[in-house]
């Protein structure tokens, strides 16, 4: 089934979150230091992804266009309100909004989400997403011990995002060539890497970047790349 990889990824997050809730009673200082460790690891992952770009102008223009649209739509504000609503329904003592937003961005933005979902749709190969489900499970466990139950709600955007890409991928060969698809994945990975880097900076409280308002950048990469290729 085309959606098998996305569904298993969601299950991995649920299992990791459940284990995290069981292990959440750890000292606050340990939680704080663990969060700093996660932030540093996230920054490293983002940098590794970002430096893969073969055309920085595509990444830059995509980020600028995404920022304009994202701020106009106030995506981050809407996600925070959704998180606050979930918090009121769960009556949780933790910051559900922060847990939901942070984990959703970490799990959704990344090369494995895109490449794995494309493999699921194009070749029916779910191995990348199966591997990602194990990794996300461990990350969910760690995030839950520090950010609380909000992490579990990230399952919805993760499964929807990967599922939609997988479904689209079943028909993608009718619209784009393999060479363009390869370049698109590289620039999407680089753009996503910068967003992940921003998440890491937020986790370390170095700066407050409205990462969710930059998400439309990922939608613009394909159009910007196509236009760039026409003029080079």
Protein backbone atom coordinates (compact mmCIF):
# COMPACT_ATOMS: atom_id res chain seq x y z
CA UNK A 1 0.00 0.00 0.00
CA UNK A 2 1.28 3.44 -0.94
CA UNK A 3 0.59 4.89 2.52
CA UNK A 4 2.23 2.07 4.50
CA UNK A 5 5.44 4.00 5.13
CA UNK A 6 3.64 7.12 6.37
CA UNK A 7 1.37 5.09 8.66
CA UNK A 8 4.27 3.14 10.19
CA UNK A 9 6.10 6.45 10.73
CA UNK A 10 3.09 7.70 12.67
CA UNK A 11 3.01 4.53 14.77
CA UNK A 12 6.71 4.97 15.59
CA UNK A 13 6.04 8.47 16.92
CA UNK A 14 3.11 7.25 19.03
CA UNK A 15 5.21 4.45 20.55
CA UNK A 16 8.10 6.84 21.28
CA UNK A 17 5.78 9.41 22.85
CA UNK A 18 4.11 6.78 25.02
CA UNK A 19 7.47 5.60 26.35
CA UNK A 20 8.47 9.23 26.92
CA UNK A 21 5.37 9.84 29.03
CA UNK A 22 6.29 6.85 31.18
CA UNK A 23 9.82 8.17 31.68
CA UNK A 24 8.92 11.85 32.09
CA UNK A 25 9.61 12.03 35.83
CA UNK A 26 13.22 13.10 35.62
CA UNK A 27 14.90 16.12 37.29
CA UNK A 28 14.35 19.52 35.65
CA UNK A 29 18.09 20.12 35.30
CA UNK A 30 18.43 16.87 33.37
CA UNK A 31 15.52 17.89 31.12
CA UNK A 32 17.10 21.29 30.47
CA UNK A 33 20.49 19.84 29.60
CA UNK A 34 18.87 17.15 27.45
CA UNK A 35 16.97 19.85 25.54
CA UNK A 36 20.22 21.72 24.92
CA UNK A 37 21.72 18.50 23.61
CA UNK A 38 18.76 18.02 21.28
CA UNK A 39 19.11 21.61 20.09
CA UNK A 40 22.78 21.13 19.26
CA UNK A 41 22.06 17.87 17.40
CA UNK A 42 19.24 19.52 15.44
CA UNK A 43 21.57 22.37 14.42
CA UNK A 44 24.15 19.86 13.18
CA UNK A 45 21.52 18.00 11.15
CA UNK A 46 20.31 21.28 9.65
CA UNK A 47 23.82 22.35 8.66
CA UNK A 48 24.55 18.97 7.04
CA UNK A 49 21.39 19.29 4.97
CA UNK A 50 21.83 22.96 4.07
CA UNK A 51 25.34 22.65 2.65
CA UNK A 52 24.09 20.21 0.01
CA UNK A 53 22.59 23.07 -2.00
CA UNK A 54 23.96 23.45 -5.51
CA UNK A 55 22.23 26.79 -6.04
CA UNK A 56 22.03 29.08 -3.03
CA UNK A 57 19.95 31.59 -5.02
CA UNK A 58 17.12 29.05 -5.28
CA UNK A 59 17.18 28.51 -1.52
CA UNK A 60 17.36 32.24 -0.77
CA UNK A 61 14.52 33.26 -3.09
CA UNK A 62 12.36 30.39 -1.84
CA UNK A 63 12.92 31.49 1.77
CA UNK A 64 12.08 35.10 0.97
CA UNK A 65 8.87 34.20 -0.86
CA UNK A 66 7.94 31.72 1.86
CA UNK A 67 8.50 34.31 4.58
CA UNK A 68 6.19 36.81 2.87
CA UNK A 69 3.40 34.27 2.42
CA UNK A 70 3.90 32.67 5.83
CA UNK A 71 3.79 35.98 7.69
CA UNK A 72 0.77 37.03 5.66
CA UNK A 73 -1.07 33.85 6.63
CA UNK A 74 0.37 33.91 10.18
CA UNK A 75 0.87 30.13 10.08
CA UNK A 76 2.77 30.08 13.37
CA UNK A 77 0.01 31.94 15.17
CA UNK A 78 -2.59 29.48 13.90
CA UNK A 79 -0.48 26.48 14.97
CA UNK A 80 0.03 28.01 18.42
CA UNK A 81 -3.71 28.55 18.79
CA UNK A 82 -4.30 24.93 17.78
CA UNK A 83 -1.71 23.82 20.33
CA UNK A 84 -3.34 25.95 23.04
CA UNK A 85 -6.72 24.43 22.18
CA UNK A 86 -5.28 20.93 22.46
CA UNK A 87 -3.71 21.92 25.79
CA UNK A 88 -7.10 23.06 27.12
CA UNK A 89 -8.68 19.77 26.03
CA UNK A 90 -5.96 17.54 27.51
CA UNK A 91 -5.64 19.61 30.71
CA UNK A 92 -1.89 19.00 30.52
CA UNK A 93 0.60 20.77 32.76
CA UNK A 94 3.18 20.82 29.95
CA UNK A 95 3.35 23.26 27.06
CA UNK A 96 1.33 21.31 24.49
CA UNK A 97 1.64 24.05 21.90
CA UNK A 98 5.44 24.04 22.01
CA UNK A 99 5.65 20.26 22.02
CA UNK A 100 3.27 19.96 19.09
CA UNK A 101 4.95 22.64 16.99
CA UNK A 102 8.55 21.67 17.71
CA UNK A 103 8.07 17.94 17.12
CA UNK A 104 5.94 18.48 14.01
CA UNK A 105 8.59 20.65 12.41
CA UNK A 106 11.42 18.27 13.30
CA UNK A 107 9.57 15.21 11.96
CA UNK A 108 8.15 16.85 8.83
CA UNK A 109 11.06 18.98 7.60
CA UNK A 110 13.84 16.74 6.39
CA UNK A 111 15.27 14.77 3.54
CA UNK A 112 14.01 11.42 4.82
CA UNK A 113 10.39 12.63 4.82
CA UNK A 114 10.60 13.77 1.21
CA UNK A 115 12.80 11.03 -0.23
CA UNK A 116 11.03 8.31 1.77
CA UNK A 117 7.57 9.43 0.67
CA UNK A 118 8.71 9.69 -2.96
CA UNK A 119 10.13 6.17 -2.79
CA UNK A 120 6.84 4.94 -1.37
CA UNK A 121 4.88 6.49 -4.21
CA UNK A 122 7.22 5.93 -7.15
CA UNK A 123 8.72 2.53 -6.36
CA UNK A 124 6.54 1.17 -3.58
CA UNK A 125 9.68 1.01 -1.44
CA UNK A 126 8.94 1.98 2.17
CA UNK A 127 12.38 1.20 3.62
CA UNK A 128 13.38 4.85 4.10
CA UNK A 129 10.18 5.71 5.98
CA UNK A 130 10.42 2.50 8.01
CA UNK A 131 13.92 3.54 9.07
CA UNK A 132 12.67 7.07 9.78
CA UNK A 133 9.91 5.67 11.98
CA UNK A 134 12.52 4.08 14.26
CA UNK A 135 14.57 7.29 14.43
CA UNK A 136 11.47 9.43 15.01
CA UNK A 137 10.38 7.06 17.75
CA UNK A 138 13.61 7.66 19.67
CA UNK A 139 13.42 11.43 19.08
CA UNK A 140 9.77 11.46 20.18
CA UNK A 141 10.73 9.65 23.38
CA UNK A 142 13.39 12.25 24.20
CA UNK A 143 11.22 15.22 23.23
CA UNK A 144 8.29 13.94 25.28
CA UNK A 145 10.38 13.74 28.46
CA UNK A 146 11.06 17.46 28.11
CA UNK A 147 8.12 18.90 26.13
CA UNK A 148 5.30 16.62 27.25
CA UNK A 149 2.25 15.08 25.60
CA UNK A 150 2.07 17.68 22.82
CA UNK A 151 4.57 15.61 20.85
CA UNK A 152 2.00 12.91 20.12
CA UNK A 153 -0.20 15.30 18.15
CA UNK A 154 2.59 15.68 15.57
CA UNK A 155 1.45 12.32 14.18
CA UNK A 156 -1.35 14.03 12.24
CA UNK A 157 0.75 16.48 10.16
CA UNK A 158 3.51 13.87 9.67
CA UNK A 159 1.20 11.20 8.26
CA UNK A 160 -0.71 13.76 6.15
CA UNK A 161 2.49 15.33 4.76
CA UNK A 162 4.21 12.06 3.88
CA UNK A 163 0.98 10.50 2.68
CA UNK A 164 0.19 13.34 0.29
CA UNK A 165 3.72 13.30 -1.14
CA UNK A 166 3.49 9.52 -1.62
CA UNK A 167 0.15 9.81 -3.39
CA UNK A 168 1.43 12.63 -5.61
CA UNK A 169 4.58 10.64 -6.37
CA UNK A 170 2.54 7.88 -7.99
CA UNK A 171 1.86 10.33 -10.84
CA UNK A 172 4.95 12.57 -10.65
CA UNK A 173 6.77 10.94 -13.56
CA UNK A 174 4.08 12.32 -15.86
CA UNK A 175 4.96 15.90 -14.92
CA UNK A 176 8.71 16.16 -14.26
CA UNK A 177 11.86 14.48 -15.54
CA UNK A 178 14.11 12.40 -13.30
CA UNK A 179 16.94 14.94 -13.62
CA UNK A 180 14.71 17.80 -12.45
CA UNK A 181 13.36 15.64 -9.62
CA UNK A 182 16.92 14.91 -8.44
CA UNK A 183 17.78 18.64 -8.41
CA UNK A 184 14.50 19.44 -6.67
CA UNK A 185 15.22 16.98 -3.86
CA UNK A 186 18.67 18.53 -3.32
CA UNK A 187 17.31 22.09 -3.03
CA UNK A 188 14.33 20.99 -0.93
CA UNK A 189 16.75 19.26 1.41
CA UNK A 190 18.92 22.38 1.65
CA UNK A 191 15.97 24.68 2.28
CA UNK A 192 14.55 22.29 4.87
CA UNK A 193 17.99 22.11 6.47
CA UNK A 194 17.96 25.84 7.15
CA UNK A 195 14.52 25.53 8.73
CA UNK A 196 15.79 22.69 10.94
CA UNK A 197 18.78 24.87 11.87
CA UNK A 198 16.32 27.55 12.95
CA UNK A 199 14.48 25.00 15.11
CA UNK A 200 17.76 24.19 16.85
CA UNK A 201 18.43 27.85 17.56
CA UNK A 202 14.94 28.16 19.04
CA UNK A 203 15.48 25.12 21.26
CA UNK A 204 18.66 26.72 22.62
CA UNK A 205 16.78 30.01 23.21
CA UNK A 206 19.41 31.85 21.18
CA UNK A 207 16.79 33.58 19.09
CA UNK A 208 13.07 33.24 18.41
CA UNK A 209 12.56 32.44 14.73
CA UNK A 210 9.00 31.93 13.48
CA UNK A 211 9.91 28.73 11.67
CA UNK A 212 6.32 27.79 10.83
CA UNK A 213 5.97 31.05 8.91
CA UNK A 214 8.86 29.90 6.70
CA UNK A 215 7.22 26.59 5.77
CA UNK A 216 5.76 27.92 2.48
CA UNK A 217 9.39 28.15 1.32
CA UNK A 218 9.28 24.41 0.68
CA UNK A 219 6.37 24.90 -1.73
CA UNK A 220 8.21 27.59 -3.68
CA UNK A 221 11.42 25.60 -4.25
CA UNK A 222 10.10 23.76 -7.29
CA UNK A 223 8.84 26.92 -8.99
CA UNK A 224 11.98 28.90 -8.20
CA UNK A 225 14.21 26.07 -9.39
CA UNK A 226 12.30 25.77 -12.66
CA UNK A 227 12.55 29.52 -13.27
CA UNK A 228 16.23 29.50 -12.38
CA UNK A 229 16.95 26.75 -14.87
CA UNK A 230 15.19 28.69 -17.61
CA UNK A 231 17.57 31.64 -17.20
CA UNK A 232 20.84 29.73 -16.76
